[in-house]
C-alpha atoms as a PDB file:
ATOM      1  CA  MET A   1     -17.030  63.954  17.845  1.00  0.00           C
ATOM      2  CA  LYS A   2     -13.727  64.095  15.979  1.00  0.00           C
ATOM      3  CA  THR A   3     -11.799  61.045  14.869  1.00  0.00           C
ATOM      4  CA  TYR A   4      -8.035  61.222  14.540  1.00  0.00           C
ATOM      5  CA  GLN A   5      -5.977  58.702  12.659  1.00  0.00           C
ATOM      6  CA  ASN A   6      -2.894  57.781  14.678  1.00  0.00           C
ATOM      7  CA  HIS A   7       0.308  59.090  13.234  1.00  0.00           C
ATOM      8  CA  THR A   8       3.821  57.775  13.584  1.00  0.00           C
ATOM      9  CA  GLU A   9       5.957  60.629  12.331  1.00  0.00           C
ATOM     10  CA  PRO A  10       7.398  63.000  14.938  1.00  0.00           C
ATOM     11  CA  PRO A  11       6.251  66.616  14.678  1.00  0.00           C
ATOM     12  CA  ARG A  12       8.554  68.508  12.336  1.00  0.00           C
ATOM     13  CA  ILE A  13       8.609  71.658  10.245  1.00  0.00           C
ATOM     14  CA  TYR A  14      10.053  72.621   6.886  1.00  0.00           C
ATOM     15  CA  VAL A  15      11.920  75.912   7.176  1.00  0.00           C
ATOM     16  CA  ALA A  16      12.662  77.664   3.886  1.00  0.00           C
ATOM     17  CA  CYS A  17      15.278  80.289   3.059  1.00  0.00           C
ATOM     18  CA  LEU A  18      13.294  83.301   1.821  1.00  0.00           C
ATOM     19  CA  ALA A  19      16.214  84.792  -0.126  1.00  0.00           C
ATOM     20  CA  ALA A  20      16.455  81.606  -2.184  1.00  0.00           C
ATOM     21  CA  TYR A  21      12.668  81.294  -2.435  1.00  0.00           C
ATOM     22  CA  ASN A  22      12.338  84.860  -3.743  1.00  0.00           C
ATOM     23  CA  ASN A  23      14.947  84.010  -6.408  1.00  0.00           C
ATOM     24  CA  GLY A  24      13.045  80.939  -7.565  1.00  0.00           C
ATOM     25  CA  ILE A  25      15.235  78.427  -5.724  1.00  0.00           C
ATOM     26  CA  LEU A  26      13.851  75.941  -3.248  1.00  0.00           C
ATOM     27  CA  HIS A  27      16.241  75.725  -0.319  1.00  0.00           C
ATOM     28  CA  GLY A  28      15.251  74.642   3.143  1.00  0.00           C
ATOM     29  CA  ALA A  29      15.338  71.841   5.687  1.00  0.00           C
ATOM     30  CA  TRP A  30      12.985  69.525   7.519  1.00  0.00           C
ATOM     31  CA  ILE A  31      13.606  70.048  11.227  1.00  0.00           C
ATOM     32  CA  GLU A  32      12.362  68.044  14.204  1.00  0.00           C
ATOM     33  CA  ALA A  33      10.183  70.414  16.194  1.00  0.00           C
ATOM     34  CA  THR A  34      10.470  69.414  19.847  1.00  0.00           C
ATOM     35  CA  GLU A  35      13.205  71.858  20.963  1.00  0.00           C
ATOM     36  CA  ALA A  36      13.241  75.554  20.090  1.00  0.00           C
ATOM     37  CA  TRP A  37      17.004  75.864  20.412  1.00  0.00           C
ATOM     38  CA  SER A  38      17.685  72.984  18.011  1.00  0.00           C
ATOM     39  CA  MET A  39      15.254  74.541  15.505  1.00  0.00           C
ATOM     40  CA  TRP A  40      17.208  77.821  15.694  1.00  0.00           C
ATOM     41  CA  GLU A  41      20.504  76.008  15.150  1.00  0.00           C
ATOM     42  CA  ALA A  42      19.175  73.958  12.236  1.00  0.00           C
ATOM     43  CA  THR A  43      17.706  77.111  10.655  1.00  0.00           C
ATOM     44  CA  ARG A  44      21.016  78.955  11.071  1.00  0.00           C
ATOM     45  CA  ASP A  45      22.843  76.044   9.408  1.00  0.00           C
ATOM     46  CA  MET A  46      20.311  75.912   6.573  1.00  0.00           C
ATOM     47  CA  LEU A  47      20.698  79.669   5.955  1.00  0.00           C
ATOM     48  CA  ALA A  48      24.506  79.380   6.042  1.00  0.00           C
ATOM     49  CA  ASN A  49      24.278  76.792   3.232  1.00  0.00           C
ATOM     50  CA  SER A  50      21.891  78.860   1.136  1.00  0.00           C
ATOM     51  CA  PRO A  51      22.729  79.337  -2.548  1.00  0.00           C
ATOM     52  CA  ILE A  52      22.084  83.062  -1.951  1.00  0.00           C
ATOM     53  CA  PRO A  53      24.943  84.753  -0.052  1.00  0.00           C
ATOM     54  CA  ASN A  54      24.174  86.345   3.332  1.00  0.00           C
ATOM     55  CA  ALA A  55      20.669  84.853   3.547  1.00  0.00           C
ATOM     56  CA  GLU A  56      18.965  85.828   6.796  1.00  0.00           C
ATOM     57  CA  GLU A  57      15.212  85.493   6.428  1.00  0.00           C
ATOM     58  CA  TRP A  58      13.262  82.275   6.776  1.00  0.00           C
ATOM     59  CA  ALA A  59       9.682  81.050   7.033  1.00  0.00           C
ATOM     60  CA  ILE A  60       7.915  77.821   7.919  1.00  0.00           C
ATOM     61  CA  HIS A  61       6.565  76.506   4.620  1.00  0.00           C
ATOM     62  CA  ASP A  62       5.317  73.070   5.671  1.00  0.00           C
ATOM     63  CA  TYR A  63       4.841  70.840   8.677  1.00  0.00           C
ATOM     64  CA  GLU A  64       3.783  67.313   9.579  1.00  0.00           C
ATOM     65  CA  GLY A  65       2.965  65.365  12.691  1.00  0.00           C
ATOM     66  CA  PHE A  66       0.772  68.154  14.081  1.00  0.00           C
ATOM     67  CA  ALA A  67      -2.541  66.476  13.150  1.00  0.00           C
ATOM     68  CA  SER A  68      -5.105  69.153  12.281  1.00  0.00           C
ATOM     69  CA  ILE A  69      -3.286  71.928  14.156  1.00  0.00           C
ATOM     70  CA  ARG A  70      -2.266  74.770  11.871  1.00  0.00           C
ATOM     71  CA  ILE A  71       1.256  76.145  12.019  1.00  0.00           C
ATOM     72  CA  SER A  72       1.702  79.542  10.397  1.00  0.00           C
ATOM     73  CA  GLU A  73       4.690  80.782   8.418  1.00  0.00           C
ATOM     74  CA  TYR A  74       5.910  82.945  11.248  1.00  0.00           C
ATOM     75  CA  ASP A  75       4.974  81.004  14.370  1.00  0.00           C
ATOM     76  CA  SER A  76       7.780  81.242  16.885  1.00  0.00           C
ATOM     77  CA  PHE A  77      10.006  78.243  17.424  1.00  0.00           C
ATOM     78  CA  ASP A  78       9.058  78.387  21.105  1.00  0.00           C
ATOM     79  CA  ARG A  79       5.373  78.004  20.237  1.00  0.00           C
ATOM     80  CA  VAL A  80       6.048  75.251  17.700  1.00  0.00           C
ATOM     81  CA  ALA A  81       8.210  73.371  20.222  1.00  0.00           C
ATOM     82  CA  GLU A  82       5.514  73.619  22.927  1.00  0.00           C
ATOM     83  CA  LEU A  83       2.906  72.196  20.564  1.00  0.00           C
ATOM     84  CA  ALA A  84       5.233  69.462  19.294  1.00  0.00           C
ATOM     85  CA  THR A  85       6.277  68.431  22.808  1.00  0.00           C
ATOM     86  CA  PHE A  86       2.656  68.167  23.957  1.00  0.00           C
ATOM     87  CA  ILE A  87       1.785  66.091  20.896  1.00  0.00           C
ATOM     88  CA  ALA A  88       4.850  63.887  21.314  1.00  0.00           C
ATOM     89  CA  GLU A  89       3.898  63.304  24.948  1.00  0.00           C
ATOM     90  CA  HIS A  90       0.160  62.747  24.478  1.00  0.00           C
ATOM     91  CA  GLY A  91      -0.107  61.551  20.883  1.00  0.00           C
ATOM     92  CA  ALA A  92      -3.395  61.712  19.024  1.00  0.00           C
ATOM     93  CA  LEU A  93      -5.284  62.766  22.122  1.00  0.00           C
ATOM     94  CA  GLY A  94      -2.985  65.732  22.724  1.00  0.00           C
ATOM     95  CA  ALA A  95      -3.167  66.874  19.117  1.00  0.00           C
ATOM     96  CA  GLU A  96      -6.942  66.728  19.011  1.00  0.00           C
ATOM     97  CA  LEU A  97      -7.257  68.511  22.369  1.00  0.00           C
ATOM     98  CA  ILE A  98      -5.181  71.405  21.058  1.00  0.00           C
ATOM     99  CA  ASP A  99      -7.364  71.492  17.953  1.00  0.00           C
ATOM    100  CA  HIS A 100     -10.545  71.313  20.052  1.00  0.00           C
ATOM    101  CA  PHE A 101      -9.391  74.375  21.995  1.00  0.00           C
ATOM    102  CA  CYS A 102      -8.422  76.285  18.822  1.00  0.00           C
ATOM    103  CA  GLY A 103      -4.693  76.148  19.521  1.00  0.00           C
ATOM    104  CA  GLU A 104      -4.913  77.136  23.173  1.00  0.00           C
ATOM    105  CA  LEU A 105      -2.286  74.852  24.671  1.00  0.00           C
ATOM    106  CA  GLU A 106      -3.039  75.781  28.305  1.00  0.00           C
ATOM    107  CA  GLU A 107      -6.713  74.895  27.819  1.00  0.00           C
ATOM    108  CA  ALA A 108      -5.702  71.527  26.358  1.00  0.00           C
ATOM    109  CA  ARG A 109      -3.364  70.879  29.316  1.00  0.00           C
ATOM    110  CA  SER A 110      -6.057  71.855  31.778  1.00  0.00           C
ATOM    111  CA  ALA A 111      -8.641  69.596  30.151  1.00  0.00           C
ATOM    112  CA  LEU A 112      -6.252  66.646  30.161  1.00  0.00           C
ATOM    113  CA  ASP A 113      -5.172  67.207  33.766  1.00  0.00           C
ATOM    114  CA  ASP A 114      -8.486  68.211  35.347  1.00  0.00           C
ATOM    115  CA  ARG A 115     -11.418  67.126  33.178  1.00  0.00           C
ATOM    116  CA  HIS A 116     -10.442  63.831  31.530  1.00  0.00           C
ATOM    117  CA  LEU A 117     -13.005  61.268  32.690  1.00  0.00           C
ATOM    118  CA  GLY A 118     -11.474  58.262  30.954  1.00  0.00           C
ATOM    119  CA  GLN A 119     -11.476  56.261  27.759  1.00  0.00           C
ATOM    120  CA  TYR A 120     -14.520  54.251  26.696  1.00  0.00           C
ATOM    121  CA  GLN A 121     -15.767  52.523  23.588  1.00  0.00           C
ATOM    122  CA  SER A 122     -18.414  55.224  23.205  1.00  0.00           C
ATOM    123  CA  LEU A 123     -19.912  58.157  25.049  1.00  0.00           C
ATOM    124  CA  ALA A 124     -23.029  56.036  25.640  1.00  0.00           C
ATOM    125  CA  ASP A 125     -20.866  53.494  27.484  1.00  0.00           C
ATOM    126  CA  TYR A 126     -19.566  56.244  29.761  1.00  0.00           C
ATOM    127  CA  VAL A 127     -23.077  57.564  30.439  1.00  0.00           C
ATOM    128  CA  GLN A 128     -24.318  54.056  31.203  1.00  0.00           C
ATOM    129  CA  ASP A 129     -21.377  53.329  33.543  1.00  0.00           C
ATOM    130  CA  ILE A 130     -21.709  56.567  35.503  1.00  0.00           C
ATOM    131  CA  THR A 131     -25.495  56.291  35.728  1.00  0.00           C
ATOM    132  CA  GLU A 132     -25.370  52.695  36.975  1.00  0.00           C
ATOM    133  CA  GLU A 133     -22.695  53.633  39.534  1.00  0.00           C
ATOM    134  CA  THR A 134     -24.696  56.525  40.953  1.00  0.00           C
ATOM    135  CA  THR A 135     -28.324  55.483  40.529  1.00  0.00           C
ATOM    136  CA  ALA A 136     -30.276  52.386  41.518  1.00  0.00           C
ATOM    137  CA  ILE A 137     -32.082  51.340  38.356  1.00  0.00           C
ATOM    138  CA  PRO A 138     -34.756  48.684  38.752  1.00  0.00           C
ATOM    139  CA  GLN A 139     -34.095  45.672  36.542  1.00  0.00           C
ATOM    140  CA  SER A 140     -37.529  46.008  34.946  1.00  0.00           C
ATOM    141  CA  LEU A 141     -36.635  49.507  33.633  1.00  0.00           C
ATOM    142  CA  ARG A 142     -33.119  48.850  32.341  1.00  0.00           C
ATOM    143  CA  TYR A 143     -34.338  47.843  28.861  1.00  0.00           C
ATOM    144  CA  TYR A 144     -36.157  51.155  28.384  1.00  0.00           C
ATOM    145  CA  ILE A 145     -33.173  53.441  28.918  1.00  0.00           C
ATOM    146  CA  ASP A 146     -31.792  55.002  25.754  1.00  0.00           C
ATOM    147  CA  TRP A 147     -28.090  55.453  26.584  1.00  0.00           C
ATOM    148  CA  GLN A 148     -27.362  56.921  23.143  1.00  0.00           C
ATOM    149  CA  ALA A 149     -29.979  59.640  23.630  1.00  0.00           C
ATOM    150  CA  MET A 150     -28.635  60.430  27.092  1.00  0.00           C
ATOM    151  CA  ALA A 151     -25.099  60.673  25.700  1.00  0.00           C
ATOM    152  CA  ARG A 152     -26.249  62.951  22.870  1.00  0.00           C
ATOM    153  CA  ASP A 153     -28.000  65.214  25.376  1.00  0.00           C
ATOM    154  CA  CYS A 154     -24.870  65.410  27.548  1.00  0.00           C
ATOM    155  CA  GLU A 155     -22.847  66.546  24.542  1.00  0.00           C
ATOM    156  CA  LEU A 156     -25.472  68.956  23.243  1.00  0.00           C
ATOM    157  CA  ASN A 157     -25.900  70.746  26.561  1.00  0.00           C
ATOM    158  CA  GLY A 158     -22.127  71.047  27.046  1.00  0.00           C
ATOM    159  CA  ASP A 159     -21.785  68.757  30.050  1.00  0.00           C
ATOM    160  CA  LEU A 160     -19.353  66.512  28.162  1.00  0.00           C
ATOM    161  CA  PHE A 161     -17.227  66.509  25.037  1.00  0.00           C
ATOM    162  CA  THR A 162     -15.359  63.661  23.405  1.00  0.00           C
ATOM    163  CA  ILE A 163     -12.297  63.015  21.327  1.00  0.00           C
ATOM    164  CA  GLN A 164     -12.139  59.788  19.382  1.00  0.00           C
ATOM    165  CA  THR A 165      -8.601  58.493  18.804  1.00  0.00           C
ATOM    166  CA  ALA A 166      -9.504  55.073  17.380  1.00  0.00           C
ATOM    167  CA  HIS A 167     -12.577  53.143  16.266  1.00  0.00           C
ATOM    168  CA  ASP A 168     -13.302  52.001  19.818  1.00  0.00           C
ATOM    169  CA  ALA A 169     -11.394  54.626  21.827  1.00  0.00           C
ATOM    170  CA  VAL A 170     -13.432  57.631  22.879  1.00  0.00           C
ATOM    171  CA  HIS A 171     -11.940  59.977  25.484  1.00  0.00           C
ATOM    172  CA  VAL A 172     -14.596  61.669  27.586  1.00  0.00           C
ATOM    173  CA  PHE A 173     -14.086  65.120  29.127  1.00  0.00           C
ATOM    174  CA  ALA A 174     -16.212  67.229  31.425  1.00  0.00           C
ATOM    175  CA  GLY A 175     -17.437  70.321  29.617  1.00  0.00           C
ATOM    176  CA  CYS A 176     -16.393  73.860  30.472  1.00  0.00           C
END
């Protein structure tokens, strides 16, 4: 189970002028990452103001607001904008879903749309709720049920996975 600390900064990237960089000069700009077109325009403006005449090449040298998702130097602005928009829309949960699915944005969307079972204080709470809703448990046996063990088994066998976005906020998803 992963825990994500909530972030407040919007997803953004630092785009560097490679002509300046290769000449030992740091020149670049922090750019909000939610629209590909605005990233292109901001990059064009940054290159036009480069201390190196006719600078054309750029690379993403840093980023923030993407949680544990990795952005590479040459990721397309379209890809970066898709990731940033999903994170801006879904916050910590969206970021951790993308990370859980190794950067596969469509898998993260699908899980959120089709397999999100709700938010609970723990996976054991979810297992207890669903079991009590679907099974008549005699009162005399209730004290012998190990909800934690049942929850662990559900995760280990792939029936469920969780993403924890706060101390007492666990999002439960049906497995693949």
